[in-house]
Amino acid sequence: RELKKRNLQPRGFFNEDAALLQEQFDQELEQAREEKIQQRIANQERLAREHIAQIVEKEIQLEREGLQKEKQLSTLLASVKQGRSSSHARIELNLVTARSLAFGLCSPECNLLYLDLSNQSLCDLAGAYLCRSLAKNTSLKKIELSNNRLGPLSFQELGRGLMNNKTVEFVSLDCNPLVRAGAGAGTDDVDINLQAVQSLADMIGRNKTLRHLGLWQCLIGADGGKLIAIALELSNDALTTLKCGYNNWNDASVRQIEAKLASNREVRRVERDKEAMRKQEESWRRLEQERLDEELKQKRKNDEWLEEQKRIRADQRRLQMEAEEKARIERERAEEEERQRVAAEEAAKLAAKKKKKAKSKKQT
């Protein structure tokens, strides 16, 4: 009956039917166990999402309350987000306001060039917020984060944030315990340290714009120094300054880094010389073009002046010819009037003479 309920055909032998039924029972049990596991995982994921949502909501509420208490800071952060802030800024932060600033730095309207957040005892999570924003920021060139309490999370997010960043040239993380070290450090801490340093090393291997990186007294350790030295030597031609003192790096790694930095500085010097020469040549070409343009402009002015003088002389000749023609006409008219007057006088004299002669004949 159990076999038929499961659409299985009995074979007619008890042992075989029992084995077949047991196999079916085992499959159903395994399926039920798998469904329970999946249900448990789904419940755990749902609880985790709800917990994360509660944490996020709480952080947002704390952020709002913190900004309400500090109106001046709220105004400054709003100006950063809207691209109306000064290009250089020193901002005092805490964990809550660091999150707000991170959002502002992600804005495409942000116009900050230099940001000083040093000497504030910022925690690792605050540093992570800020370092993560560098992945989207397109304006910052220099950021000071020295003398805080930034840790492995900040270190790892800095590596991710600068992986493809094309604007940041200067980062200072001096005097931060960027990795967990000391007698209390366990195996998990060592793994976290290496992950954080590996993230930074990966960034050094890909970033092409970072020129200065300050890691002085960050407790990175010899293994981390090797990772950074290898990444720098193999893939980076841009970094020219790396402050790495008080990190317990071995001499070989330090010499390897110093040699690569010297090579990068030489490459950078050659690039600067080429750029200076290019700008000089461009300046010469611009000056030569300006001279040619000025000569052409002067030639045009001269040609225009000659044309103007030609027109003036033509007008003068035309006016002179018109005056001469008018004078000639007036002269001919006067001469004609004079001839007519003389002719009239002669005719009058002749008529008077004839009249006198006729009168004298009549008297005789």
Protein backbone atom coordinates (compact mmCIF):
# COMPACT_ATOMS: atom_id res chain seq x y z
CA ARG A 1 0.00 0.00 0.00
CA GLU A 2 2.84 2.44 0.84
CA LEU A 3 4.45 1.70 -2.50
CA LYS A 4 1.23 2.38 -4.39
CA LYS A 5 0.72 5.65 -2.49
CA ARG A 6 4.10 6.71 -3.91
CA ASN A 7 3.29 5.49 -7.44
CA LEU A 8 5.78 2.64 -7.13
CA GLN A 9 5.08 -0.82 -8.57
CA PRO A 10 5.51 -3.70 -6.07
CA ARG A 11 7.86 -6.42 -7.30
CA GLY A 12 6.20 -9.26 -5.41
CA PHE A 13 9.20 -10.04 -3.21
CA PHE A 14 9.02 -8.77 0.34
CA ASN A 15 12.71 -8.02 0.80
CA GLU A 16 12.98 -6.13 -2.49
CA ASP A 17 9.77 -4.19 -1.82
CA ALA A 18 10.99 -3.37 1.71
CA ALA A 19 14.35 -2.15 0.34
CA LEU A 20 12.60 -0.05 -2.33
CA LEU A 21 10.26 1.44 0.24
CA GLN A 22 13.14 2.15 2.63
CA GLU A 23 15.02 3.92 -0.17
CA GLN A 24 11.94 6.04 -0.82
CA PHE A 25 11.64 6.80 2.91
CA ASP A 26 15.29 7.87 2.98
CA GLN A 27 14.81 10.19 -0.02
CA GLU A 28 11.72 11.75 1.57
CA LEU A 29 13.58 12.21 4.84
CA GLU A 30 16.53 13.83 3.07
CA GLN A 31 14.18 16.10 1.11
CA ALA A 32 12.36 17.10 4.32
CA ARG A 33 15.70 17.78 6.02
CA GLU A 34 16.84 19.90 3.03
CA GLU A 35 13.58 21.87 3.08
CA LYS A 36 14.02 22.56 6.79
CA ILE A 37 17.60 23.73 6.18
CA GLN A 38 16.48 26.00 3.34
CA GLN A 39 13.65 27.34 5.48
CA ARG A 40 16.07 27.96 8.35
CA ILE A 41 18.48 29.78 5.98
CA ALA A 42 15.63 31.85 4.54
CA ASN A 43 14.49 32.77 8.06
CA GLN A 44 18.04 33.70 9.04
CA GLU A 45 18.44 35.83 5.91
CA ARG A 46 15.12 37.53 6.59
CA LEU A 47 16.12 38.23 10.18
CA ALA A 48 19.50 39.49 9.01
CA ARG A 49 17.84 41.83 6.48
CA GLU A 50 15.48 43.10 9.15
CA HIS A 51 18.39 43.59 11.53
CA ILE A 52 20.40 45.44 8.88
CA ALA A 53 17.36 47.58 8.07
CA GLN A 54 16.98 48.42 11.76
CA ILE A 55 20.67 49.31 12.01
CA VAL A 56 20.50 51.48 8.89
CA GLU A 57 17.36 53.19 10.14
CA LYS A 58 19.03 53.80 13.48
CA GLU A 59 22.15 55.20 11.78
CA ILE A 60 20.05 57.49 9.62
CA GLN A 61 18.13 58.69 12.68
CA LEU A 62 21.39 59.31 14.55
CA GLU A 63 22.75 61.14 11.54
CA ARG A 64 19.70 63.38 11.37
CA GLU A 65 19.83 64.11 15.08
CA GLY A 66 23.56 64.83 14.92
CA LEU A 67 23.15 67.22 12.01
CA GLN A 68 20.24 68.97 13.73
CA LYS A 69 22.47 69.65 16.72
CA GLU A 70 25.28 71.07 14.55
CA LYS A 71 23.64 73.46 12.11
CA GLN A 72 26.95 74.94 10.89
CA LEU A 73 28.34 71.50 10.05
CA SER A 74 25.05 70.56 8.39
CA THR A 75 25.29 73.63 6.18
CA LEU A 76 28.90 72.84 5.31
CA LEU A 77 28.11 69.24 4.39
CA ALA A 78 25.19 70.39 2.24
CA SER A 79 27.47 72.81 0.41
CA VAL A 80 29.97 69.98 -0.22
CA LYS A 81 27.22 67.83 -1.72
CA GLN A 82 25.96 70.68 -3.91
CA GLY A 83 29.42 71.77 -5.11
CA ARG A 84 29.27 75.19 -3.39
CA SER A 85 32.02 74.67 -0.80
CA SER A 86 35.55 76.05 -0.77
CA SER A 87 38.12 73.95 -2.62
CA HIS A 88 40.07 73.49 0.65
CA ALA A 89 38.34 72.37 3.86
CA ARG A 90 39.16 71.33 7.43
CA ILE A 91 36.10 69.54 8.88
CA GLU A 92 35.64 68.20 12.42
CA LEU A 93 33.73 64.89 12.32
CA ASN A 94 32.45 61.97 14.34
CA LEU A 95 31.09 58.60 13.22
CA VAL A 96 27.64 60.00 12.39
CA THR A 97 28.79 63.09 10.49
CA ALA A 98 31.54 61.11 8.72
CA ARG A 99 28.79 59.12 7.03
CA SER A 100 27.10 62.35 5.86
CA LEU A 101 30.38 63.71 4.50
CA ALA A 102 30.98 60.42 2.67
CA PHE A 103 27.63 60.82 0.91
CA GLY A 104 28.58 64.38 0.00
CA LEU A 105 31.91 63.29 -1.44
CA CYS A 106 30.08 60.84 -3.71
CA SER A 107 28.09 63.66 -5.28
CA PRO A 108 29.10 64.48 -8.88
CA GLU A 109 28.71 68.17 -7.94
CA CYS A 110 31.43 67.98 -5.23
CA ASN A 111 34.24 70.49 -5.88
CA LEU A 112 36.57 69.82 -2.92
CA LEU A 113 40.26 69.57 -3.84
CA TYR A 114 41.91 69.32 -0.40
CA LEU A 115 40.30 67.72 2.66
CA ASP A 116 41.93 67.74 6.11
CA LEU A 117 40.48 65.21 8.59
CA SER A 118 43.61 64.63 10.66
CA ASN A 119 43.96 64.56 14.48
CA GLN A 120 40.30 63.76 15.27
CA SER A 121 40.43 60.21 16.72
CA LEU A 122 38.06 59.02 13.99
CA CYS A 123 37.18 55.33 14.41
CA ASP A 124 37.72 52.59 11.86
CA LEU A 125 34.10 52.58 10.65
CA ALA A 126 34.16 56.35 10.07
CA GLY A 127 37.35 55.95 8.07
CA ALA A 128 35.76 53.14 6.05
CA TYR A 129 32.84 55.40 5.11
CA LEU A 130 35.21 58.13 3.94
CA CYS A 131 37.63 55.84 2.09
CA ARG A 132 34.76 54.07 0.32
CA SER A 133 33.54 57.40 -1.06
CA LEU A 134 36.81 57.83 -2.99
CA ALA A 135 35.57 55.26 -5.50
CA LYS A 136 32.94 57.78 -6.71
CA ASN A 137 34.60 61.11 -5.95
CA THR A 138 36.07 62.90 -8.98
CA SER A 139 37.41 66.13 -7.46
CA LEU A 140 39.67 65.42 -4.46
CA LYS A 141 43.42 65.62 -5.03
CA LYS A 142 44.67 65.53 -1.44
CA ILE A 143 43.23 63.97 1.73
CA GLU A 144 44.76 64.07 5.23
CA LEU A 145 43.70 61.24 7.59
CA SER A 146 46.74 61.04 9.87
CA ASN A 147 46.60 60.67 13.68
CA ASN A 148 43.21 58.98 13.94
CA ARG A 149 42.10 55.48 15.03
CA LEU A 150 41.58 54.03 11.56
CA GLY A 151 41.99 50.26 11.30
CA PRO A 152 41.89 47.35 8.84
CA LEU A 153 38.42 48.18 7.53
CA SER A 154 39.57 51.67 6.53
CA PHE A 155 42.71 50.18 5.01
CA GLN A 156 40.68 47.74 2.91
CA GLU A 157 38.14 50.34 1.77
CA LEU A 158 40.96 52.73 0.87
CA GLY A 159 42.39 50.08 -1.45
CA ARG A 160 39.01 49.54 -3.08
CA GLY A 161 38.20 53.25 -3.23
CA LEU A 162 41.46 54.22 -4.97
CA MET A 163 41.58 51.19 -7.26
CA ASN A 164 40.23 53.14 -10.24
CA ASN A 165 40.36 56.69 -8.88
CA LYS A 166 41.96 59.11 -11.35
CA THR A 167 42.19 62.32 -9.31
CA VAL A 168 43.64 61.66 -5.83
CA GLU A 169 47.40 62.34 -5.74
CA PHE A 170 48.14 62.62 -1.99
CA VAL A 171 46.92 60.44 0.90
CA SER A 172 48.29 60.60 4.43
CA LEU A 173 47.43 57.80 6.88
CA ASP A 174 50.38 58.33 9.22
CA CYS A 175 50.02 57.28 12.87
CA ASN A 176 46.95 55.10 12.44
CA PRO A 177 46.77 51.48 13.74
CA LEU A 178 45.70 50.36 10.30
CA VAL A 179 46.24 46.70 11.21
CA ARG A 180 45.66 44.89 14.46
CA ALA A 181 48.93 43.94 16.06
CA GLY A 182 50.47 43.08 19.39
CA ALA A 183 50.22 40.29 21.92
CA GLY A 184 46.43 40.21 21.71
CA ALA A 185 46.31 39.66 17.97
CA GLY A 186 44.92 36.27 17.01
CA THR A 187 44.77 34.21 13.82
CA ASP A 188 41.63 35.99 12.64
CA ASP A 189 43.34 39.34 13.19
CA VAL A 190 46.33 38.21 11.11
CA ASP A 191 43.98 37.20 8.28
CA ILE A 192 42.18 40.54 8.50
CA ASN A 193 45.53 42.35 8.47
CA LEU A 194 46.71 40.52 5.35
CA GLN A 195 43.38 41.09 3.58
CA ALA A 196 43.60 44.82 4.36
CA VAL A 197 47.23 45.10 3.24
CA GLN A 198 46.51 42.99 0.15
CA SER A 199 43.71 45.40 -0.78
CA LEU A 200 46.15 48.29 -0.53
CA ALA A 201 48.79 46.39 -2.50
CA ASP A 202 46.25 45.63 -5.25
CA MET A 203 45.41 49.32 -5.41
CA ILE A 204 49.10 50.26 -5.68
CA GLY A 205 49.38 47.82 -8.55
CA ARG A 206 46.52 49.46 -10.50
CA ASN A 207 46.34 53.14 -9.52
CA LYS A 208 48.12 55.48 -11.96
CA THR A 209 47.65 58.89 -10.32
CA LEU A 210 48.62 58.55 -6.63
CA ARG A 211 51.98 60.31 -6.01
CA HIS A 212 52.27 60.35 -2.20
CA LEU A 213 51.17 57.70 0.30
CA GLY A 214 51.84 58.19 4.01
CA LEU A 215 51.97 54.95 6.04
CA TRP A 216 54.38 56.06 8.75
CA GLN A 217 53.90 54.21 12.08
CA CYS A 218 50.91 52.12 10.96
CA LEU A 219 52.06 48.76 12.45
CA ILE A 220 51.75 47.00 9.09
CA GLY A 221 54.43 44.38 9.69
CA ALA A 222 57.03 42.60 7.57
CA ASP A 223 54.59 40.45 5.57
CA GLY A 224 52.54 43.50 4.63
CA GLY A 225 55.74 45.32 3.65
CA LYS A 226 56.62 42.49 1.26
CA LEU A 227 53.18 42.66 -0.38
CA ILE A 228 53.44 46.41 -0.88
CA ALA A 229 57.04 46.19 -2.14
CA ILE A 230 56.15 43.53 -4.72
CA ALA A 231 53.09 45.43 -5.97
CA LEU A 232 55.07 48.67 -6.21
CA GLU A 233 57.97 47.13 -8.07
CA LEU A 234 55.90 45.11 -10.53
CA SER A 235 53.10 47.45 -11.54
CA ASN A 236 53.46 51.06 -10.29
CA ASP A 237 55.35 53.85 -12.05
CA ALA A 238 53.39 56.76 -10.52
CA LEU A 239 54.10 56.67 -6.75
CA THR A 240 57.12 58.83 -5.88
CA THR A 241 56.82 59.13 -2.08
CA LEU A 242 55.96 56.34 0.36
CA LYS A 243 56.43 57.05 4.07
CA CYS A 244 56.95 53.61 5.59
CA GLY A 245 58.92 54.11 8.80
CA TYR A 246 58.04 52.34 12.09
CA ASN A 247 56.23 49.46 10.39
CA ASN A 248 58.74 46.70 11.20
CA TRP A 249 59.49 46.10 7.53
CA ASN A 250 62.66 44.18 6.78
CA ASP A 251 65.60 45.90 5.14
CA ALA A 252 65.17 44.05 1.85
CA SER A 253 61.61 45.35 1.41
CA VAL A 254 62.66 48.89 2.36
CA ARG A 255 65.56 48.84 -0.13
CA GLN A 256 63.27 47.41 -2.81
CA ILE A 257 60.74 50.18 -2.20
CA GLU A 258 63.36 52.95 -2.10
CA ALA A 259 64.91 51.74 -5.36
CA LYS A 260 61.51 51.68 -7.10
CA LEU A 261 60.56 55.10 -5.73
CA ALA A 262 63.86 56.52 -6.98
CA SER A 263 63.16 55.01 -10.39
CA ASN A 264 59.63 56.46 -10.36
CA ARG A 265 60.97 59.89 -9.37
CA GLU A 266 63.39 59.76 -12.29
CA VAL A 267 60.57 58.75 -14.63
CA ARG A 268 58.48 61.55 -13.18
CA ARG A 269 61.35 64.03 -13.63
CA VAL A 270 61.73 63.02 -17.27
CA GLU A 271 57.95 63.36 -17.73
CA ARG A 272 58.01 66.81 -16.09
CA ASP A 273 60.91 67.87 -18.30
CA LYS A 274 59.06 66.65 -21.37
CA GLU A 275 55.91 68.40 -20.21
CA ALA A 276 57.86 71.60 -19.53
CA MET A 277 59.47 71.37 -22.99
CA ARG A 278 56.08 70.71 -24.55
CA LYS A 279 54.59 73.72 -22.78
CA GLN A 280 57.60 75.84 -23.79
CA GLU A 281 57.26 74.78 -27.41
CA GLU A 282 53.54 75.40 -27.22
CA SER A 283 54.24 78.83 -25.76
CA TRP A 284 56.70 79.56 -28.57
CA ARG A 285 54.22 78.41 -31.17
CA ARG A 286 51.53 80.52 -29.54
CA LEU A 287 53.80 83.59 -29.48
CA GLU A 288 54.82 82.99 -33.09
CA GLN A 289 51.19 82.61 -34.08
CA GLU A 290 50.32 85.78 -32.18
CA ARG A 291 53.15 87.58 -34.02
CA LEU A 292 51.93 86.30 -37.37
CA ASP A 293 48.36 87.22 -36.48
CA GLU A 294 49.52 90.71 -35.46
CA GLU A 295 51.46 91.10 -38.70
CA LEU A 296 48.44 89.95 -40.68
CA LYS A 297 46.22 92.31 -38.68
CA GLN A 298 48.64 95.20 -39.31
CA LYS A 299 48.82 94.34 -43.01
CA ARG A 300 45.05 94.33 -43.19
CA LYS A 301 44.93 97.69 -41.44
CA ASN A 302 47.51 99.07 -43.89
CA ASP A 303 45.60 97.69 -46.85
CA GLU A 304 42.39 99.16 -45.48
CA TRP A 305 44.15 102.52 -44.95
CA LEU A 306 45.50 102.46 -48.53
CA GLU A 307 42.06 101.61 -49.85
CA GLU A 308 40.59 104.42 -47.79
CA GLN A 309 43.19 106.87 -49.07
CA LYS A 310 42.55 105.72 -52.63
CA ARG A 311 38.83 106.27 -52.13
CA ILE A 312 39.45 109.70 -50.61
CA ARG A 313 41.69 110.74 -53.52
CA ALA A 314 39.13 109.45 -56.03
CA ASP A 315 36.41 111.45 -54.26
CA GLN A 316 38.63 114.52 -54.25
CA ARG A 317 39.36 114.16 -57.99
CA ARG A 318 35.67 113.66 -58.69
CA LEU A 319 34.73 116.75 -56.67
CA GLN A 320 37.52 118.74 -58.38
CA MET A 321 36.34 117.64 -61.82
CA GLU A 322 32.75 118.50 -60.90
CA ALA A 323 33.90 121.95 -59.68
CA GLU A 324 35.93 122.53 -62.84
CA GLU A 325 33.00 121.45 -65.00
CA LYS A 326 30.70 123.75 -63.07
CA ALA A 327 33.17 126.65 -63.42
CA ARG A 328 33.50 125.96 -67.15
CA ILE A 329 29.74 126.02 -67.58
CA GLU A 330 29.49 129.23 -65.56
CA ARG A 331 32.31 130.78 -67.62
CA GLU A 332 30.72 129.82 -70.95
CA ARG A 333 27.37 131.13 -69.75
CA ALA A 334 28.99 134.42 -68.72
CA GLU A 335 30.81 134.65 -72.03
CA GLU A 336 27.57 133.94 -73.89
CA GLU A 337 25.77 136.60 -71.88
CA GLU A 338 28.61 139.04 -72.60
CA ARG A 339 28.44 138.31 -76.34
CA GLN A 340 24.69 138.81 -76.29
CA ARG A 341 25.10 142.10 -74.40
CA VAL A 342 27.75 143.37 -76.83
CA ALA A 343 25.64 142.27 -79.80
CA ALA A 344 22.64 144.03 -78.32
CA GLU A 345 24.66 147.20 -77.76
CA GLU A 346 26.01 147.14 -81.31
CA ALA A 347 22.52 146.53 -82.67
CA ALA A 348 21.22 149.45 -80.62
CA LYS A 349 24.02 151.70 -81.84
CA LEU A 350 23.41 150.66 -85.44
CA ALA A 351 19.71 151.29 -85.07
CA ALA A 352 20.32 154.70 -83.56
CA LYS A 353 22.76 155.53 -86.29
CA LYS A 354 20.27 154.50 -88.97
CA LYS A 355 17.56 156.50 -87.27
CA LYS A 356 19.76 159.58 -87.13
CA LYS A 357 20.73 159.18 -90.73
CA ALA A 358 17.11 158.85 -91.81
CA LYS A 359 16.17 161.94 -89.80
CA SER A 360 18.90 164.03 -91.38
CA LYS A 361 17.79 162.98 -94.86
CA LYS A 362 14.27 163.97 -94.04
CA GLN A 363 15.35 167.48 -92.95
CA THR A 364 17.33 168.08 -96.10
